[in-house]
Amino acid sequence: MTDGLRLLMDSRQERDTVFLILDDGETLELAVSSVPINMPEIGGSISSPLLAELRLAAQRKKVARRIFSLLDRRLMPVARIRVKLLEEEYPVDAVDAVLEQMSKQGVYSDQMYAAAYCRDTLSTKLVGRRYLESKLWSRQVSMDIAREVVAENLDEETESDLAHKAARWKWQRMLGQSDRKAEEKVARYLVGRGFPTGLAWKAVRQNKPNLEDEF
């Protein structure tokens, strides 16, 4: 038998996976949707082009399985997933194909990662849009996607409420300071937490404690 030409000795399906056993003992695991329509019957020959197609489909299956394994531990941006898989020497064509398919089918994408990051961060931190956008960008999410997702998860009214809460929190830790330098310090804190300068100063002044009320 010429190199690259194989016989299909057996085929079985388990859930969403098809197992193809070739005459040389090679076993290929494919997603059901990846099985070519021109597959031969059991005992039939597999041409070199078809064998290459089957092996690529099997590689995509392995890549998909590995991606789900990574995401089961923690969510991460698509770019980071891609780098990790390539470092593990998965074929670049298979990696790119699976990531693209996952995005198109709504299985996983940077939008989904960014949305989850926003929800988790806003549940524990008093931060503004710029903070979220900067953190997502530093995690290799494009700025366009970051801005879009952040806007969907943090509207202006909610951001304003968070800024006022952050200002009150910071003023409580100023130990009675209330002069201009204290205001600037609180404002810098709010801007550093991603709130716009105008909103930061508004929150600073509206939440500044009246020390006379304490006596």
N, C-alpha and C. Protein backbone atom coordinates (compact mmCIF):
# COMPACT_ATOMS: atom_id res chain seq x y z
N MET A 1 0.86 -1.19 0.00
CA MET A 1 0.00 0.00 0.00
C MET A 1 0.89 1.23 0.00
N THR A 2 0.62 2.21 -0.80
CA THR A 2 1.46 3.40 -0.90
C THR A 2 1.33 4.24 0.34
N ASP A 3 2.40 5.00 0.65
CA ASP A 3 2.40 5.85 1.83
C ASP A 3 1.30 6.90 1.73
N GLY A 4 0.53 7.11 2.83
CA GLY A 4 -0.54 8.09 2.83
C GLY A 4 -1.89 7.49 2.49
N LEU A 5 -1.93 6.28 1.89
CA LEU A 5 -3.19 5.62 1.57
C LEU A 5 -3.52 4.64 2.67
N ARG A 6 -4.72 4.73 3.21
CA ARG A 6 -5.10 3.88 4.33
C ARG A 6 -6.45 3.23 4.07
N LEU A 7 -6.73 2.16 4.85
CA LEU A 7 -8.02 1.51 4.81
C LEU A 7 -8.78 1.83 6.09
N LEU A 8 -10.06 2.04 5.98
CA LEU A 8 -10.89 2.28 7.15
C LEU A 8 -11.34 0.94 7.69
N MET A 9 -10.84 0.58 8.87
CA MET A 9 -11.12 -0.73 9.44
C MET A 9 -12.35 -0.73 10.35
N ASP A 10 -12.63 0.40 10.98
CA ASP A 10 -13.78 0.44 11.88
C ASP A 10 -14.18 1.90 12.11
N SER A 11 -15.42 2.09 12.49
CA SER A 11 -15.94 3.41 12.79
C SER A 11 -17.04 3.29 13.82
N ARG A 12 -16.97 4.13 14.87
CA ARG A 12 -18.02 4.10 15.88
C ARG A 12 -18.25 5.53 16.40
N GLN A 13 -19.42 5.73 16.93
CA GLN A 13 -19.77 7.06 17.44
C GLN A 13 -20.14 6.98 18.90
N GLU A 14 -19.58 7.89 19.69
CA GLU A 14 -19.91 8.02 21.10
C GLU A 14 -20.28 9.47 21.36
N ARG A 15 -21.56 9.70 21.59
CA ARG A 15 -22.08 11.05 21.78
C ARG A 15 -21.75 11.91 20.56
N ASP A 16 -20.95 12.99 20.78
CA ASP A 16 -20.66 13.89 19.67
C ASP A 16 -19.31 13.61 19.02
N THR A 17 -18.73 12.43 19.30
CA THR A 17 -17.42 12.08 18.77
C THR A 17 -17.48 10.83 17.92
N VAL A 18 -16.82 10.86 16.78
CA VAL A 18 -16.70 9.70 15.90
C VAL A 18 -15.26 9.20 15.94
N PHE A 19 -15.10 7.90 16.14
CA PHE A 19 -13.78 7.29 16.17
C PHE A 19 -13.57 6.52 14.87
N LEU A 20 -12.50 6.84 14.17
CA LEU A 20 -12.15 6.15 12.94
C LEU A 20 -10.86 5.37 13.17
N ILE A 21 -10.89 4.07 12.94
CA ILE A 21 -9.72 3.22 13.13
C ILE A 21 -9.20 2.81 11.77
N LEU A 22 -7.93 3.11 11.53
CA LEU A 22 -7.31 2.80 10.25
C LEU A 22 -6.52 1.50 10.33
N ASP A 23 -6.12 1.01 9.16
CA ASP A 23 -5.48 -0.30 9.10
C ASP A 23 -4.12 -0.36 9.77
N ASP A 24 -3.46 0.78 9.94
CA ASP A 24 -2.16 0.78 10.61
C ASP A 24 -2.28 1.03 12.11
N GLY A 25 -3.51 1.03 12.63
CA GLY A 25 -3.73 1.23 14.06
C GLY A 25 -4.01 2.67 14.46
N GLU A 26 -3.84 3.58 13.53
CA GLU A 26 -4.10 4.99 13.85
C GLU A 26 -5.60 5.18 14.11
N THR A 27 -5.90 5.88 15.20
CA THR A 27 -7.28 6.19 15.55
C THR A 27 -7.48 7.70 15.52
N LEU A 28 -8.47 8.13 14.79
CA LEU A 28 -8.77 9.55 14.66
C LEU A 28 -10.09 9.86 15.35
N GLU A 29 -10.07 10.88 16.21
CA GLU A 29 -11.28 11.30 16.91
C GLU A 29 -11.76 12.60 16.28
N LEU A 30 -12.99 12.60 15.77
CA LEU A 30 -13.54 13.75 15.08
C LEU A 30 -14.88 14.15 15.70
N ALA A 31 -15.20 15.41 15.62
CA ALA A 31 -16.55 15.85 15.95
C ALA A 31 -17.48 15.32 14.87
N VAL A 32 -18.70 14.97 15.25
CA VAL A 32 -19.66 14.42 14.29
C VAL A 32 -19.82 15.36 13.10
N SER A 33 -19.88 16.64 13.37
CA SER A 33 -20.07 17.63 12.31
C SER A 33 -18.88 17.75 11.38
N SER A 34 -17.72 17.20 11.78
CA SER A 34 -16.51 17.31 10.97
C SER A 34 -16.29 16.11 10.04
N VAL A 35 -17.12 15.10 10.16
CA VAL A 35 -16.93 13.91 9.33
C VAL A 35 -17.31 14.25 7.88
N PRO A 36 -16.39 14.06 6.92
CA PRO A 36 -16.67 14.38 5.51
C PRO A 36 -17.80 13.52 4.95
N ILE A 37 -18.52 14.06 4.00
CA ILE A 37 -19.63 13.32 3.41
C ILE A 37 -19.13 12.22 2.48
N ASN A 38 -17.87 12.31 2.07
CA ASN A 38 -17.33 11.32 1.14
C ASN A 38 -16.53 10.23 1.84
N MET A 39 -16.89 9.94 3.12
CA MET A 39 -16.20 8.87 3.84
C MET A 39 -16.53 7.51 3.21
N PRO A 40 -15.52 6.65 3.06
CA PRO A 40 -15.76 5.31 2.49
C PRO A 40 -16.45 4.39 3.50
N GLU A 41 -16.98 3.30 3.03
CA GLU A 41 -17.53 2.28 3.91
C GLU A 41 -16.40 1.57 4.63
N ILE A 42 -16.74 0.79 5.68
CA ILE A 42 -15.74 0.00 6.39
C ILE A 42 -15.03 -0.91 5.39
N GLY A 43 -13.70 -0.89 5.42
CA GLY A 43 -12.90 -1.67 4.49
C GLY A 43 -12.50 -0.90 3.25
N GLY A 44 -13.09 0.29 3.06
CA GLY A 44 -12.76 1.10 1.90
C GLY A 44 -11.46 1.86 2.10
N SER A 45 -10.91 2.34 1.01
CA SER A 45 -9.64 3.06 1.05
C SER A 45 -9.85 4.56 1.27
N ILE A 46 -8.90 5.16 1.96
CA ILE A 46 -8.92 6.60 2.24
C ILE A 46 -7.77 7.23 1.47
N SER A 47 -8.08 8.12 0.58
CA SER A 47 -7.05 8.76 -0.23
C SER A 47 -6.21 9.71 0.62
N SER A 48 -5.06 10.09 0.08
CA SER A 48 -4.17 11.00 0.80
C SER A 48 -4.84 12.34 1.11
N PRO A 49 -5.55 12.97 0.16
CA PRO A 49 -6.22 14.24 0.49
C PRO A 49 -7.27 14.08 1.59
N LEU A 50 -8.04 12.97 1.53
CA LEU A 50 -9.05 12.75 2.55
C LEU A 50 -8.41 12.48 3.90
N LEU A 51 -7.31 11.74 3.90
CA LEU A 51 -6.60 11.45 5.14
C LEU A 51 -6.10 12.75 5.78
N ALA A 52 -5.58 13.65 4.96
CA ALA A 52 -5.12 14.94 5.47
C ALA A 52 -6.28 15.73 6.07
N GLU A 53 -7.43 15.67 5.43
CA GLU A 53 -8.62 16.36 5.93
C GLU A 53 -9.07 15.77 7.26
N LEU A 54 -9.02 14.46 7.36
CA LEU A 54 -9.43 13.79 8.59
C LEU A 54 -8.47 14.12 9.74
N ARG A 55 -7.20 14.14 9.44
CA ARG A 55 -6.22 14.45 10.48
C ARG A 55 -6.36 15.88 10.97
N LEU A 56 -6.65 16.79 10.06
CA LEU A 56 -6.87 18.18 10.46
C LEU A 56 -8.11 18.29 11.34
N ALA A 57 -9.16 17.55 10.99
CA ALA A 57 -10.38 17.55 11.80
C ALA A 57 -10.11 16.97 13.19
N ALA A 58 -9.27 15.94 13.24
CA ALA A 58 -8.90 15.34 14.52
C ALA A 58 -8.09 16.32 15.36
N GLN A 59 -7.23 17.08 14.71
CA GLN A 59 -6.45 18.09 15.42
C GLN A 59 -7.37 19.16 16.00
N ARG A 60 -8.37 19.56 15.22
CA ARG A 60 -9.32 20.56 15.72
C ARG A 60 -10.07 20.03 16.95
N LYS A 61 -10.40 18.76 16.92
CA LYS A 61 -11.07 18.14 18.06
C LYS A 61 -10.20 18.22 19.31
N LYS A 62 -8.91 17.91 19.15
CA LYS A 62 -7.99 17.97 20.28
C LYS A 62 -7.85 19.40 20.79
N VAL A 63 -7.77 20.34 19.85
CA VAL A 63 -7.65 21.75 20.23
C VAL A 63 -8.88 22.19 21.02
N ALA A 64 -10.06 21.84 20.53
CA ALA A 64 -11.30 22.23 21.22
C ALA A 64 -11.35 21.64 22.62
N ARG A 65 -10.94 20.38 22.74
CA ARG A 65 -10.94 19.73 24.05
C ARG A 65 -9.99 20.45 25.01
N ARG A 66 -8.84 20.86 24.50
CA ARG A 66 -7.85 21.55 25.33
C ARG A 66 -8.36 22.94 25.74
N ILE A 67 -9.02 23.63 24.83
CA ILE A 67 -9.56 24.95 25.15
C ILE A 67 -10.59 24.86 26.27
N PHE A 68 -11.48 23.90 26.17
CA PHE A 68 -12.49 23.73 27.22
C PHE A 68 -11.84 23.38 28.55
N SER A 69 -10.74 22.63 28.49
CA SER A 69 -10.02 22.29 29.71
C SER A 69 -9.43 23.55 30.35
N LEU A 70 -8.88 24.44 29.53
CA LEU A 70 -8.31 25.69 30.04
C LEU A 70 -9.40 26.58 30.62
N LEU A 71 -10.51 26.69 29.91
CA LEU A 71 -11.60 27.57 30.37
C LEU A 71 -12.31 27.03 31.59
N ASP A 72 -12.21 25.74 31.80
CA ASP A 72 -12.83 25.14 32.98
C ASP A 72 -12.11 25.60 34.25
N ARG A 73 -10.82 25.96 34.10
CA ARG A 73 -10.05 26.44 35.25
C ARG A 73 -10.30 27.92 35.48
N ARG A 74 -10.20 28.70 34.41
CA ARG A 74 -10.48 30.13 34.50
C ARG A 74 -10.63 30.70 33.10
N LEU A 75 -11.43 31.74 32.98
CA LEU A 75 -11.62 32.39 31.69
C LEU A 75 -10.38 33.21 31.35
N MET A 76 -10.09 33.31 30.07
CA MET A 76 -8.96 34.11 29.62
C MET A 76 -9.24 34.64 28.22
N PRO A 77 -8.55 35.72 27.84
CA PRO A 77 -8.77 36.29 26.49
C PRO A 77 -8.37 35.31 25.40
N VAL A 78 -8.95 35.48 24.24
CA VAL A 78 -8.68 34.59 23.11
C VAL A 78 -7.20 34.62 22.74
N ALA A 79 -6.58 35.80 22.75
CA ALA A 79 -5.17 35.90 22.38
C ALA A 79 -4.29 35.08 23.32
N ARG A 80 -4.64 35.09 24.60
CA ARG A 80 -3.85 34.32 25.57
C ARG A 80 -4.05 32.82 25.37
N ILE A 81 -5.29 32.43 25.05
CA ILE A 81 -5.54 31.01 24.76
C ILE A 81 -4.71 30.58 23.56
N ARG A 82 -4.70 31.40 22.52
CA ARG A 82 -3.98 31.08 21.29
C ARG A 82 -2.48 30.90 21.57
N VAL A 83 -1.91 31.83 22.32
CA VAL A 83 -0.48 31.75 22.63
C VAL A 83 -0.17 30.48 23.41
N LYS A 84 -1.01 30.16 24.38
CA LYS A 84 -0.78 28.98 25.20
C LYS A 84 -0.83 27.71 24.37
N LEU A 85 -1.80 27.61 23.47
CA LEU A 85 -1.92 26.43 22.63
C LEU A 85 -0.74 26.29 21.67
N LEU A 86 -0.30 27.40 21.12
CA LEU A 86 0.85 27.35 20.21
C LEU A 86 2.12 26.98 20.98
N GLU A 87 2.23 27.44 22.22
CA GLU A 87 3.38 27.05 23.05
C GLU A 87 3.35 25.56 23.33
N GLU A 88 2.15 24.99 23.38
CA GLU A 88 2.00 23.55 23.60
C GLU A 88 2.10 22.78 22.28
N GLU A 89 2.43 23.49 21.21
CA GLU A 89 2.71 22.93 19.89
C GLU A 89 1.49 22.33 19.19
N TYR A 90 0.32 22.90 19.45
CA TYR A 90 -0.83 22.54 18.64
C TYR A 90 -0.70 23.25 17.30
N PRO A 91 -1.14 22.66 16.20
CA PRO A 91 -1.00 23.27 14.87
C PRO A 91 -1.75 24.60 14.78
N VAL A 92 -1.09 25.60 14.23
CA VAL A 92 -1.67 26.95 14.17
C VAL A 92 -2.97 26.96 13.37
N ASP A 93 -3.04 26.19 12.28
CA ASP A 93 -4.26 26.17 11.46
C ASP A 93 -5.44 25.64 12.26
N ALA A 94 -5.20 24.59 13.03
CA ALA A 94 -6.27 24.01 13.84
C ALA A 94 -6.69 24.96 14.95
N VAL A 95 -5.73 25.59 15.58
CA VAL A 95 -6.02 26.52 16.67
C VAL A 95 -6.88 27.68 16.17
N ASP A 96 -6.44 28.30 15.07
CA ASP A 96 -7.18 29.45 14.53
C ASP A 96 -8.58 29.06 14.06
N ALA A 97 -8.68 27.89 13.47
CA ALA A 97 -9.98 27.43 12.97
C ALA A 97 -10.96 27.22 14.12
N VAL A 98 -10.51 26.61 15.19
CA VAL A 98 -11.39 26.33 16.33
C VAL A 98 -11.79 27.63 17.03
N LEU A 99 -10.86 28.53 17.24
CA LEU A 99 -11.17 29.80 17.90
C LEU A 99 -12.17 30.62 17.09
N GLU A 100 -11.99 30.60 15.76
CA GLU A 100 -12.91 31.33 14.89
C GLU A 100 -14.30 30.71 14.94
N GLN A 101 -14.35 29.39 14.91
CA GLN A 101 -15.64 28.70 14.95
C GLN A 101 -16.35 28.95 16.28
N MET A 102 -15.60 28.92 17.38
CA MET A 102 -16.20 29.17 18.69
C MET A 102 -16.80 30.56 18.77
N SER A 103 -16.11 31.53 18.18
CA SER A 103 -16.61 32.90 18.19
C SER A 103 -17.89 33.02 17.36
N LYS A 104 -17.89 32.44 16.17
CA LYS A 104 -19.06 32.52 15.28
C LYS A 104 -20.28 31.84 15.90
N GLN A 105 -20.05 30.74 16.60
CA GLN A 105 -21.15 29.98 17.19
C GLN A 105 -21.56 30.49 18.57
N GLY A 106 -20.86 31.50 19.05
CA GLY A 106 -21.19 32.05 20.35
C GLY A 106 -20.79 31.16 21.51
N VAL A 107 -19.83 30.28 21.26
CA VAL A 107 -19.36 29.39 22.32
C VAL A 107 -18.40 30.12 23.25
N TYR A 108 -17.48 30.87 22.65
CA TYR A 108 -16.53 31.65 23.45
C TYR A 108 -15.89 32.71 22.57
N SER A 109 -15.68 33.89 23.17
CA SER A 109 -15.08 35.00 22.43
C SER A 109 -14.55 36.02 23.41
N ASP A 110 -13.83 37.02 22.89
CA ASP A 110 -13.34 38.09 23.76
C ASP A 110 -14.49 38.89 24.36
N GLN A 111 -15.59 39.01 23.63
CA GLN A 111 -16.76 39.70 24.18
C GLN A 111 -17.27 38.99 25.43
N MET A 112 -17.31 37.67 25.37
CA MET A 112 -17.79 36.90 26.52
C MET A 112 -16.82 37.01 27.70
N TYR A 113 -15.52 36.96 27.39
CA TYR A 113 -14.52 37.12 28.45
C TYR A 113 -14.64 38.49 29.09
N ALA A 114 -14.74 39.54 28.25
CA ALA A 114 -14.81 40.91 28.76
C ALA A 114 -16.05 41.12 29.62
N ALA A 115 -17.17 40.58 29.19
CA ALA A 115 -18.40 40.72 29.96
C ALA A 115 -18.27 40.06 31.33
N ALA A 116 -17.69 38.89 31.37
CA ALA A 116 -17.50 38.19 32.64
C ALA A 116 -16.54 38.96 33.53
N TYR A 117 -15.48 39.51 32.94
CA TYR A 117 -14.51 40.29 33.72
C TYR A 117 -15.19 41.52 34.33
N CYS A 118 -16.01 42.21 33.53
CA CYS A 118 -16.70 43.40 34.04
C CYS A 118 -17.63 43.04 35.20
N ARG A 119 -18.40 41.99 35.03
CA ARG A 119 -19.33 41.59 36.09
C ARG A 119 -18.58 41.24 37.37
N ASP A 120 -17.52 40.48 37.25
CA ASP A 120 -16.76 40.06 38.44
C ASP A 120 -16.10 41.25 39.12
N THR A 121 -15.53 42.16 38.33
CA THR A 121 -14.84 43.31 38.90
C THR A 121 -15.81 44.26 39.58
N LEU A 122 -16.93 44.54 38.92
CA LEU A 122 -17.90 45.48 39.48
C LEU A 122 -18.59 44.94 40.72
N SER A 123 -18.55 43.64 40.91
CA SER A 123 -19.17 43.05 42.10
C SER A 123 -18.30 43.22 43.34
N THR A 124 -17.03 43.60 43.15
CA THR A 124 -16.11 43.69 44.29
C THR A 124 -15.35 45.02 44.37
N LYS A 125 -15.38 45.83 43.29
CA LYS A 125 -14.58 47.05 43.29
C LYS A 125 -15.41 48.26 42.85
N LEU A 126 -15.05 49.42 43.40
CA LEU A 126 -15.66 50.69 43.01
C LEU A 126 -14.78 51.32 41.94
N VAL A 127 -15.10 51.06 40.70
CA VAL A 127 -14.27 51.53 39.59
C VAL A 127 -15.14 52.08 38.47
N GLY A 128 -14.51 52.86 37.57
CA GLY A 128 -15.21 53.44 36.45
C GLY A 128 -14.88 52.75 35.14
N ARG A 129 -15.43 53.30 34.08
CA ARG A 129 -15.26 52.68 32.76
C ARG A 129 -13.81 52.60 32.34
N ARG A 130 -13.07 53.68 32.56
CA ARG A 130 -11.68 53.71 32.08
C ARG A 130 -10.84 52.64 32.75
N TYR A 131 -11.13 52.36 33.99
CA TYR A 131 -10.41 51.29 34.70
C TYR A 131 -10.66 49.95 34.01
N LEU A 132 -11.92 49.66 33.74
CA LEU A 132 -12.27 48.38 33.11
C LEU A 132 -11.66 48.28 31.71
N GLU A 133 -11.76 49.37 30.95
CA GLU A 133 -11.21 49.36 29.59
C GLU A 133 -9.71 49.13 29.61
N SER A 134 -9.02 49.80 30.53
CA SER A 134 -7.56 49.66 30.62
C SER A 134 -7.16 48.25 31.01
N LYS A 135 -7.87 47.68 31.97
CA LYS A 135 -7.54 46.32 32.41
C LYS A 135 -7.79 45.30 31.30
N LEU A 136 -8.88 45.46 30.56
CA LEU A 136 -9.16 44.53 29.47
C LEU A 136 -8.11 44.66 28.37
N TRP A 137 -7.74 45.89 28.05
CA TRP A 137 -6.72 46.10 27.02
C TRP A 137 -5.39 45.48 27.44
N SER A 138 -5.04 45.60 28.72
CA SER A 138 -3.79 45.00 29.21
C SER A 138 -3.85 43.48 29.17
N ARG A 139 -5.07 42.94 29.10
CA ARG A 139 -5.25 41.49 29.00
C ARG A 139 -5.45 41.04 27.55
N GLN A 140 -5.07 41.88 26.63
CA GLN A 140 -5.04 41.57 25.19
C GLN A 140 -6.42 41.53 24.54
N VAL A 141 -7.37 42.25 25.14
CA VAL A 141 -8.66 42.45 24.49
C VAL A 141 -8.59 43.77 23.73
N SER A 142 -9.03 43.78 22.48
CA SER A 142 -8.94 45.00 21.68
C SER A 142 -9.73 46.12 22.34
N MET A 143 -9.26 47.36 22.15
CA MET A 143 -9.92 48.49 22.78
C MET A 143 -11.35 48.67 22.28
N ASP A 144 -11.58 48.37 21.00
CA ASP A 144 -12.94 48.48 20.47
C ASP A 144 -13.90 47.56 21.22
N ILE A 145 -13.48 46.31 21.41
CA ILE A 145 -14.31 45.35 22.14
C ILE A 145 -14.44 45.76 23.60
N ALA A 146 -13.34 46.22 24.19
CA ALA A 146 -13.36 46.63 25.60
C ALA A 146 -14.37 47.74 25.81
N ARG A 147 -14.32 48.77 24.96
CA ARG A 147 -15.24 49.90 25.12
C ARG A 147 -16.69 49.48 24.93
N GLU A 148 -16.92 48.63 23.93
CA GLU A 148 -18.28 48.17 23.66
C GLU A 148 -18.85 47.40 24.83
N VAL A 149 -18.08 46.46 25.35
CA VAL A 149 -18.57 45.61 26.43
C VAL A 149 -18.70 46.39 27.74
N VAL A 150 -17.73 47.25 28.02
CA VAL A 150 -17.81 48.06 29.25
C VAL A 150 -19.05 48.94 29.23
N ALA A 151 -19.33 49.56 28.07
CA ALA A 151 -20.52 50.41 27.96
C ALA A 151 -21.79 49.62 28.20
N GLU A 152 -21.81 48.36 27.78
CA GLU A 152 -22.98 47.51 27.97
C GLU A 152 -23.16 47.10 29.44
N ASN A 153 -22.06 47.07 30.18
CA ASN A 153 -22.11 46.58 31.56
C ASN A 153 -22.04 47.68 32.62
N LEU A 154 -21.75 48.91 32.20
CA LEU A 154 -21.66 50.00 33.17
C LEU A 154 -22.21 51.27 32.53
N ASP A 155 -23.45 51.60 32.83
CA ASP A 155 -24.05 52.81 32.27
C ASP A 155 -23.61 54.03 33.09
N GLU A 156 -23.92 55.23 32.59
CA GLU A 156 -23.45 56.47 33.22
C GLU A 156 -24.02 56.64 34.62
N GLU A 157 -25.27 56.30 34.81
CA GLU A 157 -25.88 56.46 36.14
C GLU A 157 -25.20 55.57 37.17
N THR A 158 -24.94 54.32 36.79
CA THR A 158 -24.28 53.40 37.71
C THR A 158 -22.85 53.84 37.98
N GLU A 159 -22.17 54.31 36.95
CA GLU A 159 -20.80 54.79 37.14
C GLU A 159 -20.78 55.98 38.11
N SER A 160 -21.76 56.86 38.00
CA SER A 160 -21.85 58.00 38.91
C SER A 160 -22.06 57.53 40.35
N ASP A 161 -22.94 56.57 40.53
CA ASP A 161 -23.19 56.02 41.87
C ASP A 161 -21.92 55.43 42.45
N LEU A 162 -21.17 54.71 41.64
CA LEU A 162 -19.92 54.10 42.11
C LEU A 162 -18.90 55.16 42.48
N ALA A 163 -18.84 56.23 41.71
CA ALA A 163 -17.90 57.31 42.00
C ALA A 163 -18.21 57.95 43.35
N HIS A 164 -19.49 58.18 43.63
CA HIS A 164 -19.89 58.78 44.91
C HIS A 164 -19.58 57.83 46.07
N LYS A 165 -19.80 56.55 45.88
CA LYS A 165 -19.47 55.57 46.93
C LYS A 165 -17.97 55.55 47.18
N ALA A 166 -17.19 55.59 46.10
CA ALA A 166 -15.74 55.59 46.23
C ALA A 166 -15.26 56.85 46.93
N ALA A 167 -15.88 57.98 46.63
CA ALA A 167 -15.50 59.24 47.28
C ALA A 167 -15.79 59.19 48.78
N ARG A 168 -16.96 58.68 49.14
CA ARG A 168 -17.30 58.57 50.57
C ARG A 168 -16.33 57.65 51.29
N TRP A 169 -15.98 56.55 50.62
CA TRP A 169 -15.03 55.60 51.22
C TRP A 169 -13.68 56.26 51.47
N LYS A 170 -13.22 57.03 50.48
CA LYS A 170 -11.91 57.67 50.61
C LYS A 170 -11.93 58.78 51.65
N TRP A 171 -13.00 59.58 51.70
CA TRP A 171 -13.08 60.65 52.69
C TRP A 171 -13.07 60.09 54.10
N GLN A 172 -13.67 58.94 54.30
CA GLN A 172 -13.70 58.34 55.63
C GLN A 172 -12.31 57.97 56.12
N ARG A 173 -11.37 57.86 55.22
CA ARG A 173 -10.01 57.47 55.56
C ARG A 173 -9.03 58.64 55.52
N MET A 174 -9.56 59.85 55.41
CA MET A 174 -8.70 61.03 55.36
C MET A 174 -8.39 61.60 56.74
N LEU A 175 -8.91 60.97 57.80
CA LEU A 175 -8.58 61.32 59.18
C LEU A 175 -8.79 62.81 59.47
N GLY A 176 -9.95 63.31 59.08
CA GLY A 176 -10.29 64.68 59.40
C GLY A 176 -9.74 65.73 58.47
N GLN A 177 -8.96 65.35 57.48
CA GLN A 177 -8.43 66.33 56.53
C GLN A 177 -9.56 66.80 55.60
N SER A 178 -9.59 68.08 55.31
CA SER A 178 -10.65 68.59 54.44
C SER A 178 -10.21 69.80 53.62
N ASP A 179 -8.93 70.10 53.61
CA ASP A 179 -8.46 71.27 52.85
C ASP A 179 -8.33 70.94 51.37
N ARG A 180 -7.79 71.88 50.61
CA ARG A 180 -7.65 71.69 49.17
C ARG A 180 -6.78 70.49 48.84
N LYS A 181 -5.71 70.30 49.58
CA LYS A 181 -4.83 69.15 49.31
C LYS A 181 -5.58 67.83 49.53
N ALA A 182 -6.44 67.82 50.51
CA ALA A 182 -7.22 66.61 50.78
C ALA A 182 -8.18 66.35 49.62
N GLU A 183 -8.81 67.41 49.12
CA GLU A 183 -9.70 67.26 47.97
C GLU A 183 -8.95 66.70 46.77
N GLU A 184 -7.77 67.25 46.52
CA GLU A 184 -6.97 66.79 45.39
C GLU A 184 -6.58 65.33 45.55
N LYS A 185 -6.28 64.94 46.77
CA LYS A 185 -5.91 63.54 47.02
C LYS A 185 -7.07 62.60 46.74
N VAL A 186 -8.26 62.98 47.18
CA VAL A 186 -9.44 62.15 46.92
C VAL A 186 -9.74 62.12 45.43
N ALA A 187 -9.60 63.27 44.76
CA ALA A 187 -9.86 63.33 43.32
C ALA A 187 -8.88 62.44 42.56
N ARG A 188 -7.61 62.49 42.94
CA ARG A 188 -6.62 61.63 42.27
C ARG A 188 -6.95 60.16 42.46
N TYR A 189 -7.43 59.82 43.64
CA TYR A 189 -7.82 58.44 43.90
C TYR A 189 -8.94 58.02 42.96
N LEU A 190 -9.94 58.87 42.80
CA LEU A 190 -11.07 58.53 41.94
C LEU A 190 -10.66 58.44 40.49
N VAL A 191 -9.85 59.37 40.04
CA VAL A 191 -9.37 59.31 38.65
C VAL A 191 -8.55 58.05 38.44
N GLY A 192 -7.76 57.67 39.42
CA GLY A 192 -6.98 56.44 39.33
C GLY A 192 -7.83 55.20 39.30
N ARG A 193 -9.06 55.32 39.79
CA ARG A 193 -9.99 54.18 39.76
C ARG A 193 -10.81 54.18 38.48
N GLY A 194 -10.45 55.07 37.55
CA GLY A 194 -11.09 55.02 36.24
C GLY A 194 -12.29 55.93 36.05
N PHE A 195 -12.53 56.83 36.99
CA PHE A 195 -13.66 57.75 36.84
C PHE A 195 -13.21 59.01 36.10
N PRO A 196 -14.06 59.57 35.23
CA PRO A 196 -13.72 60.80 34.51
C PRO A 196 -13.42 61.93 35.49
N THR A 197 -12.52 62.85 35.10
CA THR A 197 -12.10 63.93 36.00
C THR A 197 -13.28 64.75 36.49
N GLY A 198 -14.19 65.13 35.58
CA GLY A 198 -15.34 65.94 35.98
C GLY A 198 -16.21 65.24 37.01
N LEU A 199 -16.48 63.97 36.77
CA LEU A 199 -17.29 63.18 37.71
C LEU A 199 -16.56 63.02 39.03
N ALA A 200 -15.24 62.83 38.97
CA ALA A 200 -14.45 62.66 40.19
C ALA A 200 -14.56 63.88 41.09
N TRP A 201 -14.37 65.06 40.52
CA TRP A 201 -14.43 66.28 41.32
C TRP A 201 -15.85 66.53 41.85
N LYS A 202 -16.85 66.21 41.08
CA LYS A 202 -18.23 66.35 41.55
C LYS A 202 -18.46 65.47 42.77
N ALA A 203 -17.99 64.22 42.68
CA ALA A 203 -18.15 63.29 43.80
C ALA A 203 -17.33 63.74 45.01
N VAL A 204 -16.15 64.29 44.77
CA VAL A 204 -15.31 64.78 45.86
C VAL A 204 -16.04 65.85 46.66
N ARG A 205 -16.58 66.83 45.96
CA ARG A 205 -17.20 67.98 46.63
C ARG A 205 -18.54 67.64 47.25
N GLN A 206 -19.32 66.80 46.58
CA GLN A 206 -20.64 66.47 47.11
C GLN A 206 -20.58 65.52 48.30
N ASN A 207 -19.48 64.82 48.44
CA ASN A 207 -19.35 63.85 49.54
C ASN A 207 -18.33 64.27 50.59
N LYS A 208 -17.81 65.47 50.47
CA LYS A 208 -16.86 65.99 51.45
C LYS A 208 -17.58 66.15 52.79
N PRO A 209 -17.03 65.57 53.84
CA PRO A 209 -17.71 65.66 55.14
C PRO A 209 -17.66 67.06 55.71
N ASN A 210 -18.71 67.45 56.39
CA ASN A 210 -18.77 68.72 57.08
C ASN A 210 -18.26 68.48 58.50
N LEU A 211 -17.02 68.86 58.74
CA LEU A 211 -16.41 68.55 60.03
C LEU A 211 -17.11 69.24 61.19
N GLU A 212 -17.79 70.39 60.91
CA GLU A 212 -18.48 71.09 61.98
C GLU A 212 -19.61 70.25 62.56
N ASP A 213 -20.15 69.34 61.71
CA ASP A 213 -21.25 68.50 62.20
C ASP A 213 -20.80 67.47 63.22
N GLU A 214 -19.48 67.29 63.33
CA GLU A 214 -18.96 66.28 64.24
C GLU A 214 -18.79 66.84 65.67
N PHE A 215 -19.02 68.13 65.84
CA PHE A 215 -18.82 68.75 67.16
C PHE A 215 -20.12 69.29 67.70
